[in-house]
């Protein structure tokens, strides 16, 4: 699940969220917003039982991303169907 909200700086805060158990182990979100660098945005367990990580981007940004789990497991956001070059696509419009 992805949610977008306005941040104090006038940017868009994009929050990536997954259930705590799927998949097991550590997960990070990797994409165009962090130069495809694994480990920069690890999903952290929250009190609501989900894991999430947030990034701030300019309004109107189109993000490409994938999730990276333990042991090099790449996977897509289950709630998104749009793809470009095999990556999930999300627009902050």
PDB file of N, CA and C in Angstrom:
ATOM      1  N   UNK A   1       0.845  -1.173   0.000  1.00  0.00           N
ATOM      2  CA  UNK A   1       0.000   0.000   0.000  1.00  0.00           C
ATOM      3  C   UNK A   1       0.892   1.238   0.000  1.00  0.00           C
ATOM      4  N   UNK A   2       0.470   2.232  -0.757  1.00  0.00           N
ATOM      5  CA  UNK A   2       1.205   3.495  -0.812  1.00  0.00           C
ATOM      6  C   UNK A   2       0.235   4.619  -0.479  1.00  0.00           C
ATOM      7  N   UNK A   3       0.695   5.533   0.373  1.00  0.00           N
ATOM      8  CA  UNK A   3      -0.099   6.709   0.707  1.00  0.00           C
ATOM      9  C   UNK A   3       0.747   7.947   0.433  1.00  0.00           C
ATOM     10  N   UNK A   4       0.074   9.018   0.009  1.00  0.00           N
ATOM     11  CA  UNK A   4       0.741  10.283  -0.239  1.00  0.00           C
ATOM     12  C   UNK A   4       0.099  11.364   0.619  1.00  0.00           C
ATOM     13  N   UNK A   5       0.935  12.191   1.222  1.00  0.00           N
ATOM     14  CA  UNK A   5       0.441  13.326   2.005  1.00  0.00           C
ATOM     15  C   UNK A   5       1.386  14.500   1.785  1.00  0.00           C
ATOM     16  N   UNK A   6       0.923  15.682   2.136  1.00  0.00           N
ATOM     17  CA  UNK A   6       1.773  16.869   2.002  1.00  0.00           C
ATOM     18  C   UNK A   6       2.666  16.970   3.225  1.00  0.00           C
ATOM     19  N   UNK A   7       3.933  17.320   2.982  1.00  0.00           N
ATOM     20  CA  UNK A   7       4.853  17.536   4.098  1.00  0.00           C
ATOM     21  C   UNK A   7       4.914  19.029   4.411  1.00  0.00           C
ATOM     22  N   UNK A   8       5.557  19.364   5.479  1.00  0.00           N
ATOM     23  CA  UNK A   8       5.668  20.773   5.885  1.00  0.00           C
ATOM     24  C   UNK A   8       6.450  21.619   4.898  1.00  0.00           C
ATOM     25  N   UNK A   9       7.370  21.010   4.189  1.00  0.00           N
ATOM     26  CA  UNK A   9       8.241  21.746   3.265  1.00  0.00           C
ATOM     27  C   UNK A   9       7.598  21.950   1.897  1.00  0.00           C
ATOM     28  N   UNK A  10       6.325  21.570   1.730  1.00  0.00           N
ATOM     29  CA  UNK A  10       5.656  21.732   0.458  1.00  0.00           C
ATOM     30  C   UNK A  10       5.913  20.590  -0.510  1.00  0.00           C
ATOM     31  N   UNK A  11       6.597  19.562  -0.045  1.00  0.00           N
ATOM     32  CA  UNK A  11       6.831  18.391  -0.874  1.00  0.00           C
ATOM     33  C   UNK A  11       5.739  17.364  -0.601  1.00  0.00           C
ATOM     34  N   UNK A  12       5.775  16.282  -1.341  1.00  0.00           N
ATOM     35  CA  UNK A  12       4.843  15.175  -1.122  1.00  0.00           C
ATOM     36  C   UNK A  12       5.572  14.092  -0.341  1.00  0.00           C
ATOM     37  N   UNK A  13       4.968  13.618   0.721  1.00  0.00           N
ATOM     38  CA  UNK A  13       5.520  12.495   1.479  1.00  0.00           C
ATOM     39  C   UNK A  13       4.847  11.225   0.970  1.00  0.00           C
ATOM     40  N   UNK A  14       5.649  10.318   0.438  1.00  0.00           N
ATOM     41  CA  UNK A  14       5.160   9.045  -0.067  1.00  0.00           C
ATOM     42  C   UNK A  14       5.554   7.972   0.945  1.00  0.00           C
ATOM     43  N   UNK A  15       4.552   7.248   1.455  1.00  0.00           N
ATOM     44  CA  UNK A  15       4.792   6.200   2.438  1.00  0.00           C
ATOM     45  C   UNK A  15       4.510   4.845   1.809  1.00  0.00           C
ATOM     46  N   UNK A  16       5.521   4.002   1.806  1.00  0.00           N
ATOM     47  CA  UNK A  16       5.436   2.634   1.303  1.00  0.00           C
ATOM     48  C   UNK A  16       5.144   1.734   2.505  1.00  0.00           C
ATOM     49  N   UNK A  17       4.158   0.863   2.383  1.00  0.00           N
ATOM     50  CA  UNK A  17       3.744   0.055   3.526  1.00  0.00           C
ATOM     51  C   UNK A  17       3.434  -1.372   3.093  1.00  0.00           C
ATOM     52  N   UNK A  18       3.882  -2.326   3.907  1.00  0.00           N
ATOM     53  CA  UNK A  18       3.625  -3.743   3.681  1.00  0.00           C
ATOM     54  C   UNK A  18       3.201  -4.395   4.995  1.00  0.00           C
ATOM     55  N   UNK A  19       2.479  -5.512   4.926  1.00  0.00           N
ATOM     56  CA  UNK A  19       2.178  -6.256   6.153  1.00  0.00           C
ATOM     57  C   UNK A  19       3.479  -6.699   6.828  1.00  0.00           C
ATOM     58  N   UNK A  20       3.451  -6.846   8.131  1.00  0.00           N
ATOM     59  CA  UNK A  20       4.658  -7.191   8.880  1.00  0.00           C
ATOM     60  C   UNK A  20       5.221  -8.550   8.503  1.00  0.00           C
ATOM     61  N   UNK A  21       4.366  -9.468   8.091  1.00  0.00           N
ATOM     62  CA  UNK A  21       4.815 -10.838   7.874  1.00  0.00           C
ATOM     63  C   UNK A  21       5.093 -11.201   6.418  1.00  0.00           C
ATOM     64  N   UNK A  22       4.784 -10.344   5.486  1.00  0.00           N
ATOM     65  CA  UNK A  22       4.913 -10.724   4.080  1.00  0.00           C
ATOM     66  C   UNK A  22       5.807  -9.765   3.325  1.00  0.00           C
ATOM     67  N   UNK A  23       6.959 -10.169   2.900  1.00  0.00           N
ATOM     68  CA  UNK A  23       7.629 -11.418   3.227  1.00  0.00           C
ATOM     69  C   UNK A  23       8.353 -11.286   4.567  1.00  0.00           C
ATOM     70  N   UNK A  24       8.741 -12.404   5.151  1.00  0.00           N
ATOM     71  CA  UNK A  24       9.462 -12.328   6.424  1.00  0.00           C
ATOM     72  C   UNK A  24      10.854 -11.722   6.242  1.00  0.00           C
ATOM     73  N   UNK A  25      11.388 -11.177   7.296  1.00  0.00           N
ATOM     74  CA  UNK A  25      12.732 -10.612   7.263  1.00  0.00           C
ATOM     75  C   UNK A  25      12.740  -9.144   6.894  1.00  0.00           C
ATOM     76  N   UNK A  26      13.930  -8.626   6.772  1.00  0.00           N
ATOM     77  CA  UNK A  26      14.134  -7.208   6.492  1.00  0.00           C
ATOM     78  C   UNK A  26      13.816  -6.890   5.037  1.00  0.00           C
ATOM     79  N   UNK A  27      13.153  -5.742   4.819  1.00  0.00           N
ATOM     80  CA  UNK A  27      12.774  -5.300   3.475  1.00  0.00           C
ATOM     81  C   UNK A  27      13.128  -3.819   3.327  1.00  0.00           C
ATOM     82  N   UNK A  28      13.624  -3.445   2.157  1.00  0.00           N
ATOM     83  CA  UNK A  28      13.830  -2.022   1.861  1.00  0.00           C
ATOM     84  C   UNK A  28      13.122  -1.704   0.552  1.00  0.00           C
ATOM     85  N   UNK A  29      12.806  -0.434   0.383  1.00  0.00           N
ATOM     86  CA  UNK A  29      12.218   0.022  -0.874  1.00  0.00           C
ATOM     87  C   UNK A  29      13.333   0.735  -1.636  1.00  0.00           C
ATOM     88  N   UNK A  30      13.478   0.361  -2.902  1.00  0.00           N
ATOM     89  CA  UNK A  30      14.596   0.825  -3.720  1.00  0.00           C
ATOM     90  C   UNK A  30      14.024   1.385  -5.011  1.00  0.00           C
ATOM     91  N   UNK A  31      14.457   2.594  -5.390  1.00  0.00           N
ATOM     92  CA  UNK A  31      13.887   3.156  -6.602  1.00  0.00           C
ATOM     93  C   UNK A  31      14.546   4.421  -7.086  1.00  0.00           C
ATOM     94  N   UNK A  32      13.832   5.087  -7.963  1.00  0.00           N
ATOM     95  CA  UNK A  32      14.336   6.303  -8.603  1.00  0.00           C
ATOM     96  C   UNK A  32      14.587   7.422  -7.593  1.00  0.00           C
ATOM     97  N   UNK A  33      13.922   7.401  -6.450  1.00  0.00           N
ATOM     98  CA  UNK A  33      14.053   8.445  -5.429  1.00  0.00           C
ATOM     99  C   UNK A  33      15.315   8.279  -4.583  1.00  0.00           C
ATOM    100  N   UNK A  34      15.968   7.117  -4.634  1.00  0.00           N
ATOM    101  CA  UNK A  34      17.193   6.924  -3.863  1.00  0.00           C
ATOM    102  C   UNK A  34      18.319   6.331  -4.723  1.00  0.00           C
ATOM    103  N   UNK A  35      18.271   6.642  -6.021  1.00  0.00           N
ATOM    104  CA  UNK A  35      19.291   6.192  -6.975  1.00  0.00           C
ATOM    105  C   UNK A  35      19.460   4.676  -6.975  1.00  0.00           C
ATOM    106  N   UNK A  36      18.369   3.964  -6.704  1.00  0.00           N
ATOM    107  CA  UNK A  36      18.365   2.494  -6.718  1.00  0.00           C
ATOM    108  C   UNK A  36      19.406   1.911  -5.769  1.00  0.00           C
ATOM    109  N   UNK A  37      19.565   2.553  -4.605  1.00  0.00           N
ATOM    110  CA  UNK A  37      20.544   2.109  -3.620  1.00  0.00           C
ATOM    111  C   UNK A  37      19.871   1.243  -2.560  1.00  0.00           C
ATOM    112  N   UNK A  38      20.135  -0.067  -2.547  1.00  0.00           N
ATOM    113  CA  UNK A  38      19.549  -0.946  -1.533  1.00  0.00           C
ATOM    114  C   UNK A  38      19.957  -0.523  -0.125  1.00  0.00           C
ATOM    115  N   UNK A  39      19.020  -0.668   0.808  1.00  0.00           N
ATOM    116  CA  UNK A  39      19.304  -0.403   2.212  1.00  0.00           C
ATOM    117  C   UNK A  39      19.139   1.031   2.668  1.00  0.00           C
ATOM    118  N   UNK A  40      18.896   1.965   1.775  1.00  0.00           N
ATOM    119  CA  UNK A  40      18.732   3.366   2.189  1.00  0.00           C
ATOM    120  C   UNK A  40      17.384   3.625   2.834  1.00  0.00           C
ATOM    121  N   UNK A  41      16.357   2.854   2.466  1.00  0.00           N
ATOM    122  CA  UNK A  41      15.016   3.053   3.018  1.00  0.00           C
ATOM    123  C   UNK A  41      14.430   1.710   3.460  1.00  0.00           C
ATOM    124  N   UNK A  42      14.890   1.262   4.640  1.00  0.00           N
ATOM    125  CA  UNK A  42      14.356   0.022   5.218  1.00  0.00           C
ATOM    126  C   UNK A  42      12.959   0.275   5.766  1.00  0.00           C
ATOM    127  N   UNK A  43      12.074  -0.692   5.589  1.00  0.00           N
ATOM    128  CA  UNK A  43      10.738  -0.603   6.174  1.00  0.00           C
ATOM    129  C   UNK A  43      10.845  -0.952   7.653  1.00  0.00           C
ATOM    130  N   UNK A  44      10.252  -0.101   8.492  1.00  0.00           N
ATOM    131  CA  UNK A  44      10.294  -0.249   9.937  1.00  0.00           C
ATOM    132  C   UNK A  44       8.930  -0.682  10.448  1.00  0.00           C
ATOM    133  N   UNK A  45       8.919  -1.606  11.405  1.00  0.00           N
ATOM    134  CA  UNK A  45       7.660  -2.082  11.978  1.00  0.00           C
ATOM    135  C   UNK A  45       6.993  -0.972  12.777  1.00  0.00           C
ATOM    136  N   UNK A  46       5.707  -0.785  12.537  1.00  0.00           N
ATOM    137  CA  UNK A  46       4.907   0.247  13.204  1.00  0.00           C
ATOM    138  C   UNK A  46       3.944  -0.396  14.205  1.00  0.00           C
ATOM    139  N   UNK A  47       3.329   0.420  15.034  1.00  0.00           N
ATOM    140  CA  UNK A  47       2.409  -0.083  16.067  1.00  0.00           C
ATOM    141  C   UNK A  47       1.139  -0.686  15.478  1.00  0.00           C
ATOM    142  N   UNK A  48       0.813  -0.348  14.225  1.00  0.00           N
ATOM    143  CA  UNK A  48      -0.399  -0.888  13.598  1.00  0.00           C
ATOM    144  C   UNK A  48      -0.170  -2.263  12.963  1.00  0.00           C
ATOM    145  N   UNK A  49       1.037  -2.819  13.144  1.00  0.00           N
ATOM    146  CA  UNK A  49       1.324  -4.139  12.617  1.00  0.00           C
ATOM    147  C   UNK A  49       1.825  -4.159  11.191  1.00  0.00           C
ATOM    148  N   UNK A  50       2.081  -3.004  10.610  1.00  0.00           N
ATOM    149  CA  UNK A  50       2.621  -2.934   9.248  1.00  0.00           C
ATOM    150  C   UNK A  50       4.057  -2.436   9.318  1.00  0.00           C
ATOM    151  N   UNK A  51       4.760  -2.566   8.221  1.00  0.00           N
ATOM    152  CA  UNK A  51       6.103  -2.001   8.076  1.00  0.00           C
ATOM    153  C   UNK A  51       6.020  -0.890   7.051  1.00  0.00           C
ATOM    154  N   UNK A  52       6.760   0.195   7.289  1.00  0.00           N
ATOM    155  CA  UNK A  52       6.707   1.299   6.330  1.00  0.00           C
ATOM    156  C   UNK A  52       8.006   2.087   6.303  1.00  0.00           C
ATOM    157  N   UNK A  53       8.151   2.822   5.197  1.00  0.00           N
ATOM    158  CA  UNK A  53       9.236   3.779   5.016  1.00  0.00           C
ATOM    159  C   UNK A  53       8.668   4.924   4.193  1.00  0.00           C
ATOM    160  N   UNK A  54       9.144   6.134   4.442  1.00  0.00           N
ATOM    161  CA  UNK A  54       8.638   7.315   3.736  1.00  0.00           C
ATOM    162  C   UNK A  54       9.770   8.075   3.056  1.00  0.00           C
ATOM    163  N   UNK A  55       9.430   8.706   1.933  1.00  0.00           N
ATOM    164  CA  UNK A  55      10.349   9.590   1.228  1.00  0.00           C
ATOM    165  C   UNK A  55       9.595  10.864   0.875  1.00  0.00           C
ATOM    166  N   UNK A  56      10.307  11.984   0.821  1.00  0.00           N
ATOM    167  CA  UNK A  56       9.723  13.257   0.408  1.00  0.00           C
ATOM    168  C   UNK A  56      10.215  13.577  -0.998  1.00  0.00           C
ATOM    169  N   UNK A  57       9.274  13.910  -1.879  1.00  0.00           N
ATOM    170  CA  UNK A  57       9.592  14.215  -3.280  1.00  0.00           C
ATOM    171  C   UNK A  57       8.797  15.431  -3.720  1.00  0.00           C
ATOM    172  N   UNK A  58       9.223  16.109  -4.779  1.00  0.00           N
ATOM    173  CA  UNK A  58       8.450  17.239  -5.284  1.00  0.00           C
ATOM    174  C   UNK A  58       7.084  16.774  -5.795  1.00  0.00           C
ATOM    175  N   UNK A  59       6.056  17.634  -5.683  1.00  0.00           N
ATOM    176  CA  UNK A  59       4.740  17.281  -6.236  1.00  0.00           C
ATOM    177  C   UNK A  59       4.850  16.953  -7.723  1.00  0.00           C
ATOM    178  N   UNK A  60       4.083  15.978  -8.162  1.00  0.00           N
ATOM    179  CA  UNK A  60       4.079  15.591  -9.564  1.00  0.00           C
ATOM    180  C   UNK A  60       5.167  14.599  -9.950  1.00  0.00           C
ATOM    181  N   UNK A  61       5.932  14.133  -8.983  1.00  0.00           N
ATOM    182  CA  UNK A  61       6.997  13.177  -9.263  1.00  0.00           C
ATOM    183  C   UNK A  61       6.416  11.812  -9.614  1.00  0.00           C
ATOM    184  N   UNK A  62       7.004  11.168 -10.611  1.00  0.00           N
ATOM    185  CA  UNK A  62       6.649   9.792 -10.951  1.00  0.00           C
ATOM    186  C   UNK A  62       7.774   8.906 -10.432  1.00  0.00           C
ATOM    187  N   UNK A  63       7.432   8.004  -9.533  1.00  0.00           N
ATOM    188  CA  UNK A  63       8.416   7.120  -8.917  1.00  0.00           C
ATOM    189  C   UNK A  63       8.398   5.748  -9.569  1.00  0.00           C
ATOM    190  N   UNK A  64       9.580   5.207  -9.799  1.00  0.00           N
ATOM    191  CA  UNK A  64       9.725   3.807 -10.165  1.00  0.00           C
ATOM    192  C   UNK A  64      10.431   3.136  -9.001  1.00  0.00           C
ATOM    193  N   UNK A  65       9.975   1.938  -8.615  1.00  0.00           N
ATOM    194  CA  UNK A  65      10.563   1.277  -7.454  1.00  0.00           C
ATOM    195  C   UNK A  65      10.247  -0.205  -7.446  1.00  0.00           C
ATOM    196  N   UNK A  66      10.945  -0.908  -6.577  1.00  0.00           N
ATOM    197  CA  UNK A  66      10.667  -2.304  -6.231  1.00  0.00           C
ATOM    198  C   UNK A  66      11.078  -2.469  -4.778  1.00  0.00           C
ATOM    199  N   UNK A  67      10.615  -3.530  -4.175  1.00  0.00           N
ATOM    200  CA  UNK A  67      11.027  -3.880  -2.823  1.00  0.00           C
ATOM    201  C   UNK A  67      12.138  -4.913  -2.904  1.00  0.00           C
ATOM    202  N   UNK A  68      13.057  -4.865  -1.944  1.00  0.00           N
ATOM    203  CA  UNK A  68      14.145  -5.822  -1.868  1.00  0.00           C
ATOM    204  C   UNK A  68      14.125  -6.468  -0.495  1.00  0.00           C
ATOM    205  N   UNK A  69      13.868  -7.770  -0.477  1.00  0.00           N
ATOM    206  CA  UNK A  69      13.849  -8.527   0.770  1.00  0.00           C
ATOM    207  C   UNK A  69      15.186  -9.202   1.020  1.00  0.00           C
ATOM    208  N   UNK A  70      15.201  -9.965   2.102  1.00  0.00           N
ATOM    209  CA  UNK A  70      16.415 -10.698   2.450  1.00  0.00           C
ATOM    210  C   UNK A  70      16.770 -11.694   1.358  1.00  0.00           C
ATOM    211  N   UNK A  71      18.029 -12.045   1.297  1.00  0.00           N
ATOM    212  CA  UNK A  71      18.549 -13.002   0.324  1.00  0.00           C
ATOM    213  C   UNK A  71      18.349 -12.557  -1.125  1.00  0.00           C
ATOM    214  N   UNK A  72      18.262 -11.230  -1.354  1.00  0.00           N
ATOM    215  CA  UNK A  72      18.176 -10.712  -2.707  1.00  0.00           C
ATOM    216  C   UNK A  72      16.839 -10.894  -3.397  1.00  0.00           C
ATOM    217  N   UNK A  73      15.773 -11.107  -2.634  1.00  0.00           N
ATOM    218  CA  UNK A  73      14.434 -11.296  -3.196  1.00  0.00           C
ATOM    219  C   UNK A  73      13.838  -9.958  -3.605  1.00  0.00           C
ATOM    220  N   UNK A  74      13.722  -9.709  -4.911  1.00  0.00           N
ATOM    221  CA  UNK A  74      13.071  -8.505  -5.433  1.00  0.00           C
ATOM    222  C   UNK A  74      11.597  -8.817  -5.634  1.00  0.00           C
ATOM    223  N   UNK A  75      10.710  -7.886  -5.259  1.00  0.00           N
ATOM    224  CA  UNK A  75       9.285  -8.104  -5.489  1.00  0.00           C
ATOM    225  C   UNK A  75       8.562  -6.775  -5.645  1.00  0.00           C
ATOM    226  N   UNK A  76       7.351  -6.858  -6.208  1.00  0.00           N
ATOM    227  CA  UNK A  76       6.563  -5.673  -6.535  1.00  0.00           C
ATOM    228  C   UNK A  76       5.538  -5.377  -5.455  1.00  0.00           C
ATOM    229  N   UNK A  77       5.030  -4.151  -5.467  1.00  0.00           N
ATOM    230  CA  UNK A  77       3.947  -3.783  -4.569  1.00  0.00           C
ATOM    231  C   UNK A  77       2.685  -4.508  -5.033  1.00  0.00           C
ATOM    232  N   UNK A  78       2.052  -5.274  -4.145  1.00  0.00           N
ATOM    233  CA  UNK A  78       0.884  -6.050  -4.556  1.00  0.00           C
ATOM    234  C   UNK A  78      -0.325  -5.196  -4.941  1.00  0.00           C
ATOM    235  N   UNK A  79      -0.349  -3.928  -4.560  1.00  0.00           N
ATOM    236  CA  UNK A  79      -1.497  -3.064  -4.839  1.00  0.00           C
ATOM    237  C   UNK A  79      -1.351  -2.258  -6.129  1.00  0.00           C
ATOM    238  N   UNK A  80      -0.189  -2.311  -6.781  1.00  0.00           N
ATOM    239  CA  UNK A  80       0.040  -1.518  -7.986  1.00  0.00           C
ATOM    240  C   UNK A  80       0.131  -2.416  -9.210  1.00  0.00           C
ATOM    241  N   UNK A  81      -0.502  -1.984 -10.296  1.00  0.00           N
ATOM    242  CA  UNK A  81      -0.441  -2.759 -11.533  1.00  0.00           C
ATOM    243  C   UNK A  81       0.373  -2.056 -12.615  1.00  0.00           C
ATOM    244  N   UNK A  82       0.622  -0.742 -12.464  1.00  0.00           N
ATOM    245  CA  UNK A  82       1.390  -0.011 -13.474  1.00  0.00           C
ATOM    246  C   UNK A  82       2.868  -0.381 -13.386  1.00  0.00           C
ATOM    247  N   UNK A  83       3.480  -0.662 -14.552  1.00  0.00           N
ATOM    248  CA  UNK A  83       4.882  -1.035 -14.612  1.00  0.00           C
ATOM    249  C   UNK A  83       5.569  -0.302 -15.761  1.00  0.00           C
ATOM    250  N   UNK A  84       6.835   0.052 -15.545  1.00  0.00           N
ATOM    251  CA  UNK A  84       7.706   0.582 -16.589  1.00  0.00           C
ATOM    252  C   UNK A  84       9.045  -0.119 -16.412  1.00  0.00           C
ATOM    253  N   UNK A  85       9.535  -0.718 -17.470  1.00  0.00           N
ATOM    254  CA  UNK A  85      10.807  -1.449 -17.432  1.00  0.00           C
ATOM    255  C   UNK A  85      10.839  -2.483 -16.312  1.00  0.00           C
ATOM    256  N   UNK A  86       9.692  -3.091 -16.005  1.00  0.00           N
ATOM    257  CA  UNK A  86       9.620  -4.119 -14.969  1.00  0.00           C
ATOM    258  C   UNK A  86       9.515  -3.588 -13.555  1.00  0.00           C
ATOM    259  N   UNK A  87       9.448  -2.271 -13.391  1.00  0.00           N
ATOM    260  CA  UNK A  87       9.366  -1.657 -12.065  1.00  0.00           C
ATOM    261  C   UNK A  87       7.961  -1.132 -11.807  1.00  0.00           C
ATOM    262  N   UNK A  88       7.576  -1.085 -10.534  1.00  0.00           N
ATOM    263  CA  UNK A  88       6.315  -0.455 -10.154  1.00  0.00           C
ATOM    264  C   UNK A  88       6.411   1.033 -10.434  1.00  0.00           C
ATOM    265  N   UNK A  89       5.293   1.631 -10.794  1.00  0.00           N
ATOM    266  CA  UNK A  89       5.247   3.064 -11.069  1.00  0.00           C
ATOM    267  C   UNK A  89       4.149   3.685 -10.218  1.00  0.00           C
ATOM    268  N   UNK A  90       4.504   4.808  -9.576  1.00  0.00           N
ATOM    269  CA  UNK A  90       3.539   5.533  -8.750  1.00  0.00           C
ATOM    270  C   UNK A  90       3.741   7.027  -8.986  1.00  0.00           C
ATOM    271  N   UNK A  91       2.646   7.745  -9.230  1.00  0.00           N
ATOM    272  CA  UNK A  91       2.706   9.182  -9.472  1.00  0.00           C
ATOM    273  C   UNK A  91       2.128   9.933  -8.280  1.00  0.00           C
ATOM    274  N   UNK A  92       2.779  11.017  -7.883  1.00  0.00           N
ATOM    275  CA  UNK A  92       2.303  11.818  -6.756  1.00  0.00           C
ATOM    276  C   UNK A  92       1.301  12.884  -7.173  1.00  0.00           C
ATOM    277  N   UNK A  93       0.787  12.814  -8.390  1.00  0.00           N
ATOM    278  CA  UNK A  93      -0.217  13.798  -8.858  1.00  0.00           C
ATOM    279  C   UNK A  93      -1.456  13.730  -8.006  1.00  0.00           C
TER     280      UNK A  93
END
